[in-house]
């Protein structure tokens, strides 16, 4: 009976520990809806309100940053993707505008734009508590 609980607790600990480690995260925002979603920002600044968010897209492997014209406004859109859209820019001329616009798409997969979470203090505390509980169960 105790072995069954040990196996269950061990499995639960592993899922909790490694479940967050494999999460794919990207910045996800649209500058037309969020003024904090500009083309350029310093992710390390404390006042930056943008945070990584888990990708809720099946097979998401890429983070995309697209800059261009949406609804008559130049803006930036960041999102998750299951496809590599590459890095490319194109000059676009709108007949009713007096200038040319540059639209760009950037794709990334490296830490810093989609890094998996490191061990959080919550995960470490959780594992320590279950290790203590397991030691108590073994002595029963």
N, C-alpha and C. Protein backbone atom coordinates (compact mmCIF):
# COMPACT_ATOMS: atom_id res chain seq x y z
N UNK A 1 0.82 -1.19 0.00
CA UNK A 1 0.00 0.00 0.00
C UNK A 1 0.87 1.26 0.00
N UNK A 2 1.92 1.26 0.81
CA UNK A 2 2.80 2.43 0.88
C UNK A 2 3.52 2.62 -0.44
N UNK A 3 3.92 1.53 -1.12
CA UNK A 3 4.60 1.65 -2.40
C UNK A 3 3.70 2.32 -3.43
N UNK A 4 2.40 2.05 -3.37
CA UNK A 4 1.46 2.67 -4.29
C UNK A 4 1.45 4.19 -4.10
N UNK A 5 1.43 4.65 -2.83
CA UNK A 5 1.45 6.08 -2.55
C UNK A 5 2.78 6.71 -2.95
N UNK A 6 3.86 5.97 -2.73
CA UNK A 6 5.17 6.49 -3.11
C UNK A 6 5.25 6.70 -4.62
N UNK A 7 4.74 5.74 -5.37
CA UNK A 7 4.74 5.85 -6.83
C UNK A 7 3.87 7.03 -7.27
N UNK A 8 2.71 7.17 -6.66
CA UNK A 8 1.80 8.26 -7.00
C UNK A 8 2.43 9.62 -6.68
N UNK A 9 3.02 9.74 -5.50
CA UNK A 9 3.66 11.00 -5.11
C UNK A 9 4.86 11.32 -6.00
N UNK A 10 5.65 10.32 -6.32
CA UNK A 10 6.80 10.52 -7.19
C UNK A 10 6.39 10.98 -8.58
N UNK A 11 5.35 10.36 -9.12
CA UNK A 11 4.85 10.75 -10.43
C UNK A 11 4.32 12.17 -10.41
N UNK A 12 3.57 12.50 -9.36
CA UNK A 12 3.01 13.84 -9.23
C UNK A 12 4.12 14.89 -9.14
N UNK A 13 5.17 14.58 -8.39
CA UNK A 13 6.30 15.51 -8.26
C UNK A 13 6.99 15.72 -9.61
N UNK A 14 7.21 14.65 -10.35
CA UNK A 14 7.86 14.77 -11.66
C UNK A 14 7.03 15.58 -12.63
N UNK A 15 5.73 15.34 -12.65
CA UNK A 15 4.85 16.09 -13.55
C UNK A 15 4.86 17.57 -13.18
N UNK A 16 4.82 17.87 -11.90
CA UNK A 16 4.84 19.27 -11.46
C UNK A 16 6.17 19.92 -11.79
N UNK A 17 7.24 19.21 -11.56
CA UNK A 17 8.57 19.76 -11.79
C UNK A 17 8.83 20.00 -13.26
N UNK A 18 8.60 19.01 -14.09
CA UNK A 18 8.94 19.10 -15.49
C UNK A 18 7.83 19.67 -16.35
N UNK A 19 6.61 19.71 -15.83
CA UNK A 19 5.50 20.27 -16.60
C UNK A 19 5.73 21.73 -16.93
N UNK A 20 6.28 22.50 -16.00
CA UNK A 20 6.55 23.90 -16.28
C UNK A 20 7.80 24.06 -17.12
N UNK A 21 8.71 23.13 -17.08
CA UNK A 21 9.95 23.25 -17.83
C UNK A 21 9.78 23.12 -19.32
N UNK A 22 8.73 22.47 -19.78
CA UNK A 22 8.52 22.27 -21.19
C UNK A 22 7.50 23.24 -21.76
N UNK A 23 7.01 24.17 -20.96
CA UNK A 23 6.03 25.13 -21.44
C UNK A 23 6.69 26.05 -22.46
N UNK A 24 5.98 26.34 -23.52
CA UNK A 24 6.47 27.24 -24.55
C UNK A 24 5.81 28.60 -24.33
N UNK A 25 6.60 29.62 -24.17
CA UNK A 25 6.08 30.95 -23.83
C UNK A 25 6.55 31.97 -24.85
N UNK A 26 5.65 32.88 -25.18
CA UNK A 26 5.98 33.99 -26.06
C UNK A 26 5.35 35.26 -25.52
N UNK A 27 5.88 36.38 -25.95
CA UNK A 27 5.17 37.63 -25.72
C UNK A 27 3.98 37.62 -26.67
N UNK A 28 2.81 37.99 -26.17
CA UNK A 28 1.60 37.99 -26.99
C UNK A 28 0.86 39.30 -26.75
N UNK A 29 0.92 40.17 -27.74
CA UNK A 29 0.26 41.46 -27.61
C UNK A 29 0.06 42.09 -28.98
N UNK A 30 -0.74 43.14 -29.01
CA UNK A 30 -1.07 43.86 -30.23
C UNK A 30 -1.02 45.35 -29.89
N UNK A 31 -0.18 46.11 -30.57
CA UNK A 31 -0.01 47.52 -30.22
C UNK A 31 -1.25 48.36 -30.50
N UNK A 32 -2.16 47.89 -31.34
CA UNK A 32 -3.39 48.65 -31.57
C UNK A 32 -4.33 48.53 -30.38
N UNK A 33 -4.14 47.50 -29.55
CA UNK A 33 -4.97 47.30 -28.37
C UNK A 33 -4.23 47.59 -27.07
N UNK A 34 -2.90 47.56 -27.11
CA UNK A 34 -2.09 47.70 -25.90
C UNK A 34 -0.93 48.65 -26.18
N UNK A 35 -0.94 49.81 -25.55
CA UNK A 35 0.11 50.80 -25.78
C UNK A 35 1.48 50.35 -25.27
N UNK A 36 1.52 49.30 -24.46
CA UNK A 36 2.80 48.77 -23.96
C UNK A 36 3.43 47.77 -24.93
N UNK A 37 2.80 47.54 -26.05
CA UNK A 37 3.30 46.58 -27.04
C UNK A 37 3.93 47.33 -28.21
N UNK A 38 5.02 48.00 -27.97
CA UNK A 38 5.69 48.76 -29.02
C UNK A 38 6.65 47.87 -29.79
N UNK A 39 7.15 48.38 -30.91
CA UNK A 39 8.08 47.60 -31.71
C UNK A 39 9.35 47.29 -30.95
N UNK A 40 9.89 48.27 -30.26
CA UNK A 40 11.12 48.07 -29.49
C UNK A 40 10.85 48.32 -28.02
N UNK A 41 11.38 47.46 -27.18
CA UNK A 41 11.30 47.65 -25.74
C UNK A 41 12.42 46.86 -25.10
N UNK A 42 12.73 47.19 -23.89
CA UNK A 42 13.75 46.47 -23.13
C UNK A 42 13.03 45.54 -22.17
N UNK A 43 13.10 44.23 -22.44
CA UNK A 43 12.38 43.23 -21.65
C UNK A 43 12.83 43.21 -20.19
N UNK A 44 14.05 43.67 -19.93
CA UNK A 44 14.58 43.57 -18.57
C UNK A 44 14.16 44.73 -17.67
N UNK A 45 13.56 45.76 -18.23
CA UNK A 45 13.18 46.90 -17.41
C UNK A 45 12.01 46.55 -16.51
N UNK A 46 12.06 47.04 -15.27
CA UNK A 46 11.04 46.68 -14.29
C UNK A 46 9.68 47.27 -14.63
N UNK A 47 9.63 48.38 -15.36
CA UNK A 47 8.35 48.98 -15.68
C UNK A 47 7.70 48.39 -16.93
N UNK A 48 8.40 47.49 -17.61
CA UNK A 48 7.81 46.84 -18.78
C UNK A 48 6.69 45.90 -18.32
N UNK A 49 5.50 46.12 -18.79
CA UNK A 49 4.35 45.35 -18.34
C UNK A 49 4.16 44.06 -19.12
N UNK A 50 4.86 43.90 -20.22
CA UNK A 50 4.70 42.69 -21.01
C UNK A 50 5.45 41.54 -20.37
N UNK A 51 4.80 40.40 -20.27
CA UNK A 51 5.38 39.20 -19.69
C UNK A 51 5.18 38.04 -20.66
N UNK A 52 6.04 37.04 -20.52
CA UNK A 52 5.83 35.81 -21.30
C UNK A 52 4.45 35.26 -20.96
N UNK A 53 3.83 34.64 -21.93
CA UNK A 53 2.57 33.96 -21.70
C UNK A 53 2.65 32.59 -22.34
N UNK A 54 2.07 31.57 -21.72
CA UNK A 54 2.06 30.25 -22.34
C UNK A 54 1.31 30.28 -23.66
N UNK A 55 1.84 29.59 -24.63
CA UNK A 55 1.18 29.51 -25.94
C UNK A 55 0.04 28.51 -25.86
N UNK A 56 -1.14 28.97 -26.15
CA UNK A 56 -2.32 28.10 -26.16
C UNK A 56 -2.63 27.68 -27.58
N UNK A 57 -1.61 27.25 -28.28
CA UNK A 57 -1.72 26.85 -29.67
C UNK A 57 -1.07 25.48 -29.81
N UNK A 58 -1.76 24.56 -30.43
CA UNK A 58 -1.23 23.21 -30.58
C UNK A 58 0.05 23.26 -31.40
N UNK A 59 1.06 22.58 -30.91
CA UNK A 59 2.35 22.43 -31.57
C UNK A 59 3.09 23.76 -31.77
N UNK A 60 2.85 24.71 -30.90
CA UNK A 60 3.54 26.00 -31.00
C UNK A 60 5.03 25.80 -30.75
N UNK A 61 5.84 26.26 -31.69
CA UNK A 61 7.29 26.14 -31.59
C UNK A 61 8.01 27.45 -31.85
N UNK A 62 7.26 28.46 -32.28
CA UNK A 62 7.88 29.71 -32.70
C UNK A 62 7.15 30.91 -32.09
N UNK A 63 7.92 31.95 -31.84
CA UNK A 63 7.36 33.23 -31.44
C UNK A 63 7.55 34.18 -32.62
N UNK A 64 6.51 34.94 -32.92
CA UNK A 64 6.53 35.83 -34.07
C UNK A 64 6.35 37.27 -33.61
N UNK A 65 7.11 38.15 -34.22
CA UNK A 65 6.91 39.60 -34.07
C UNK A 65 6.70 40.14 -35.47
N UNK A 66 5.54 40.75 -35.71
CA UNK A 66 5.23 41.33 -37.01
C UNK A 66 5.01 42.83 -36.84
N UNK A 67 5.63 43.60 -37.71
CA UNK A 67 5.43 45.05 -37.71
C UNK A 67 4.88 45.44 -39.06
N UNK A 68 3.97 46.39 -39.07
CA UNK A 68 3.38 46.81 -40.34
C UNK A 68 2.20 47.72 -40.13
N UNK A 69 1.28 47.70 -41.09
CA UNK A 69 0.13 48.59 -41.09
C UNK A 69 -1.14 47.76 -40.90
N UNK A 70 -1.90 48.09 -39.87
CA UNK A 70 -3.18 47.42 -39.61
C UNK A 70 -4.24 48.48 -39.40
N UNK A 71 -5.27 48.45 -40.20
CA UNK A 71 -6.37 49.40 -40.04
C UNK A 71 -5.93 50.85 -40.12
N UNK A 72 -4.96 51.13 -40.97
CA UNK A 72 -4.49 52.49 -41.13
C UNK A 72 -3.51 52.95 -40.07
N UNK A 73 -3.11 52.08 -39.18
CA UNK A 73 -2.19 52.43 -38.11
C UNK A 73 -0.96 51.53 -38.18
N UNK A 74 0.22 52.14 -38.08
CA UNK A 74 1.45 51.35 -38.03
C UNK A 74 1.56 50.75 -36.64
N UNK A 75 1.81 49.44 -36.58
CA UNK A 75 1.85 48.81 -35.28
C UNK A 75 2.67 47.53 -35.24
N UNK A 76 2.62 46.88 -34.09
CA UNK A 76 3.36 45.65 -33.83
C UNK A 76 2.41 44.61 -33.27
N UNK A 77 2.62 43.38 -33.69
CA UNK A 77 1.79 42.27 -33.21
C UNK A 77 2.74 41.13 -32.85
N UNK A 78 2.62 40.60 -31.63
CA UNK A 78 3.45 39.48 -31.17
C UNK A 78 2.54 38.31 -30.85
N UNK A 79 2.93 37.10 -31.30
CA UNK A 79 2.07 35.94 -31.10
C UNK A 79 2.85 34.64 -31.23
N UNK A 80 2.19 33.54 -30.88
CA UNK A 80 2.76 32.19 -31.00
C UNK A 80 2.41 31.62 -32.37
N UNK A 81 3.24 30.71 -32.85
CA UNK A 81 2.97 30.08 -34.13
C UNK A 81 3.50 28.65 -34.14
N UNK A 82 2.83 27.81 -34.88
CA UNK A 82 3.32 26.45 -35.08
C UNK A 82 4.17 26.37 -36.36
N UNK A 83 4.25 27.47 -37.09
CA UNK A 83 5.02 27.51 -38.34
C UNK A 83 6.13 28.55 -38.24
N UNK A 84 7.24 28.23 -38.87
CA UNK A 84 8.36 29.16 -38.97
C UNK A 84 8.08 30.11 -40.12
N UNK A 85 7.83 31.37 -39.81
CA UNK A 85 7.55 32.36 -40.85
C UNK A 85 8.81 33.05 -41.35
N UNK A 86 9.94 32.68 -40.77
CA UNK A 86 11.21 33.25 -41.20
C UNK A 86 11.38 34.69 -40.77
N UNK A 87 12.43 35.30 -41.27
CA UNK A 87 12.70 36.72 -41.04
C UNK A 87 12.67 37.40 -42.40
N UNK A 88 11.74 38.29 -42.59
CA UNK A 88 11.62 38.95 -43.88
C UNK A 88 10.97 40.32 -43.73
N UNK A 89 11.33 41.21 -44.61
CA UNK A 89 10.73 42.54 -44.64
C UNK A 89 10.34 42.85 -46.08
N UNK A 90 9.33 43.70 -46.21
CA UNK A 90 8.86 44.09 -47.53
C UNK A 90 8.39 45.54 -47.47
N UNK A 91 8.75 46.30 -48.48
CA UNK A 91 8.27 47.68 -48.58
C UNK A 91 6.90 47.66 -49.24
N UNK A 92 5.94 48.36 -48.63
CA UNK A 92 4.57 48.35 -49.13
C UNK A 92 4.14 49.79 -49.42
N UNK A 93 3.58 49.98 -50.59
CA UNK A 93 3.09 51.29 -50.99
C UNK A 93 1.57 51.26 -51.00
N UNK A 94 0.96 52.16 -50.26
CA UNK A 94 -0.50 52.30 -50.27
C UNK A 94 -0.85 53.48 -51.18
N UNK A 95 -1.77 53.29 -52.14
CA UNK A 95 -2.09 54.36 -53.10
C UNK A 95 -2.57 55.65 -52.44
N UNK A 96 -3.25 55.56 -51.33
CA UNK A 96 -3.80 56.76 -50.70
C UNK A 96 -2.86 57.38 -49.66
N UNK A 97 -1.62 56.90 -49.59
CA UNK A 97 -0.63 57.46 -48.66
C UNK A 97 0.51 58.07 -49.47
N UNK A 98 1.18 59.03 -48.86
CA UNK A 98 2.26 59.71 -49.57
C UNK A 98 3.64 59.13 -49.25
N UNK A 99 3.67 57.97 -48.64
CA UNK A 99 4.96 57.36 -48.32
C UNK A 99 4.85 55.84 -48.36
N UNK A 100 6.02 55.21 -48.32
CA UNK A 100 6.10 53.75 -48.33
C UNK A 100 6.25 53.25 -46.90
N UNK A 101 5.67 52.09 -46.61
CA UNK A 101 5.77 51.48 -45.29
C UNK A 101 6.58 50.20 -45.39
N UNK A 102 7.27 49.89 -44.32
CA UNK A 102 8.06 48.66 -44.27
C UNK A 102 7.37 47.70 -43.32
N UNK A 103 6.97 46.54 -43.83
CA UNK A 103 6.35 45.50 -43.02
C UNK A 103 7.38 44.39 -42.82
N UNK A 104 7.52 43.93 -41.58
CA UNK A 104 8.52 42.90 -41.28
C UNK A 104 7.92 41.81 -40.41
N UNK A 105 8.45 40.61 -40.58
CA UNK A 105 8.10 39.46 -39.76
C UNK A 105 9.41 38.89 -39.23
N UNK A 106 9.46 38.66 -37.92
CA UNK A 106 10.63 38.06 -37.28
C UNK A 106 10.18 36.82 -36.53
N UNK A 107 10.91 35.73 -36.70
CA UNK A 107 10.59 34.47 -36.04
C UNK A 107 11.74 34.11 -35.11
N UNK A 108 11.42 33.65 -33.90
CA UNK A 108 12.48 33.25 -32.98
C UNK A 108 12.08 32.01 -32.19
N UNK A 109 13.09 31.30 -31.73
CA UNK A 109 12.87 30.10 -30.91
C UNK A 109 13.81 30.06 -29.72
N UNK A 110 14.67 31.04 -29.60
CA UNK A 110 15.71 31.01 -28.56
C UNK A 110 15.16 31.50 -27.22
N UNK A 111 15.88 31.16 -26.16
CA UNK A 111 15.53 31.69 -24.84
C UNK A 111 15.56 33.22 -24.92
N UNK A 112 14.66 33.82 -24.21
CA UNK A 112 14.55 35.27 -24.25
C UNK A 112 13.30 35.71 -24.98
N UNK A 113 12.85 34.90 -25.93
CA UNK A 113 11.58 35.21 -26.58
C UNK A 113 10.59 34.09 -26.31
N UNK A 114 11.05 32.94 -25.91
CA UNK A 114 10.14 31.82 -25.65
C UNK A 114 10.69 30.85 -24.63
N UNK A 115 11.60 31.29 -23.79
CA UNK A 115 12.27 30.38 -22.86
C UNK A 115 11.33 29.67 -21.92
N UNK A 116 11.63 28.40 -21.64
CA UNK A 116 10.86 27.64 -20.65
C UNK A 116 11.16 28.19 -19.27
N UNK A 117 10.20 28.12 -18.42
CA UNK A 117 10.37 28.63 -17.06
C UNK A 117 11.48 27.89 -16.34
N UNK A 118 12.22 28.62 -15.57
CA UNK A 118 13.19 27.96 -14.70
C UNK A 118 12.45 27.47 -13.46
N UNK A 119 13.14 26.75 -12.61
CA UNK A 119 12.49 26.25 -11.40
C UNK A 119 12.01 27.43 -10.60
N UNK A 120 10.75 27.46 -10.32
CA UNK A 120 10.22 28.54 -9.48
C UNK A 120 10.39 28.14 -8.02
N UNK A 121 10.35 29.13 -7.14
CA UNK A 121 10.46 28.83 -5.72
C UNK A 121 9.29 27.97 -5.27
N UNK A 122 8.12 28.13 -5.90
CA UNK A 122 6.96 27.31 -5.56
C UNK A 122 7.21 25.84 -5.85
N UNK A 123 7.86 25.54 -6.97
CA UNK A 123 8.16 24.14 -7.31
C UNK A 123 9.14 23.54 -6.33
N UNK A 124 10.15 24.31 -5.93
CA UNK A 124 11.15 23.81 -4.99
C UNK A 124 10.50 23.54 -3.64
N UNK A 125 9.66 24.45 -3.16
CA UNK A 125 8.96 24.25 -1.89
C UNK A 125 8.05 23.04 -1.97
N UNK A 126 7.34 22.89 -3.09
CA UNK A 126 6.44 21.76 -3.28
C UNK A 126 7.21 20.44 -3.19
N UNK A 127 8.34 20.35 -3.85
CA UNK A 127 9.13 19.12 -3.83
C UNK A 127 9.67 18.86 -2.43
N UNK A 128 10.10 19.90 -1.73
CA UNK A 128 10.60 19.72 -0.36
C UNK A 128 9.50 19.20 0.56
N UNK A 129 8.29 19.75 0.44
CA UNK A 129 7.18 19.29 1.28
C UNK A 129 6.82 17.84 0.99
N UNK A 130 6.78 17.48 -0.29
CA UNK A 130 6.44 16.10 -0.61
C UNK A 130 7.55 15.12 -0.23
N UNK A 131 8.78 15.58 -0.28
CA UNK A 131 9.87 14.72 0.19
C UNK A 131 9.74 14.45 1.68
N UNK A 132 9.39 15.50 2.45
CA UNK A 132 9.18 15.33 3.89
C UNK A 132 7.99 14.41 4.15
N UNK A 133 6.91 14.59 3.39
CA UNK A 133 5.73 13.73 3.54
C UNK A 133 6.08 12.28 3.22
N UNK A 134 6.86 12.08 2.19
CA UNK A 134 7.28 10.73 1.80
C UNK A 134 8.11 10.08 2.91
N UNK A 135 8.98 10.85 3.54
CA UNK A 135 9.79 10.32 4.65
C UNK A 135 8.91 9.91 5.82
N UNK A 136 7.87 10.69 6.10
CA UNK A 136 6.94 10.36 7.19
C UNK A 136 6.17 9.09 6.85
N UNK A 137 5.70 8.98 5.60
CA UNK A 137 4.94 7.80 5.18
C UNK A 137 5.80 6.54 5.28
N UNK A 138 7.07 6.65 4.94
CA UNK A 138 7.97 5.49 5.01
C UNK A 138 8.14 4.98 6.44
N UNK A 139 8.08 5.87 7.41
CA UNK A 139 8.27 5.47 8.80
C UNK A 139 7.01 4.84 9.39
N UNK A 140 5.88 4.99 8.75
CA UNK A 140 4.63 4.40 9.27
C UNK A 140 4.58 2.91 9.09
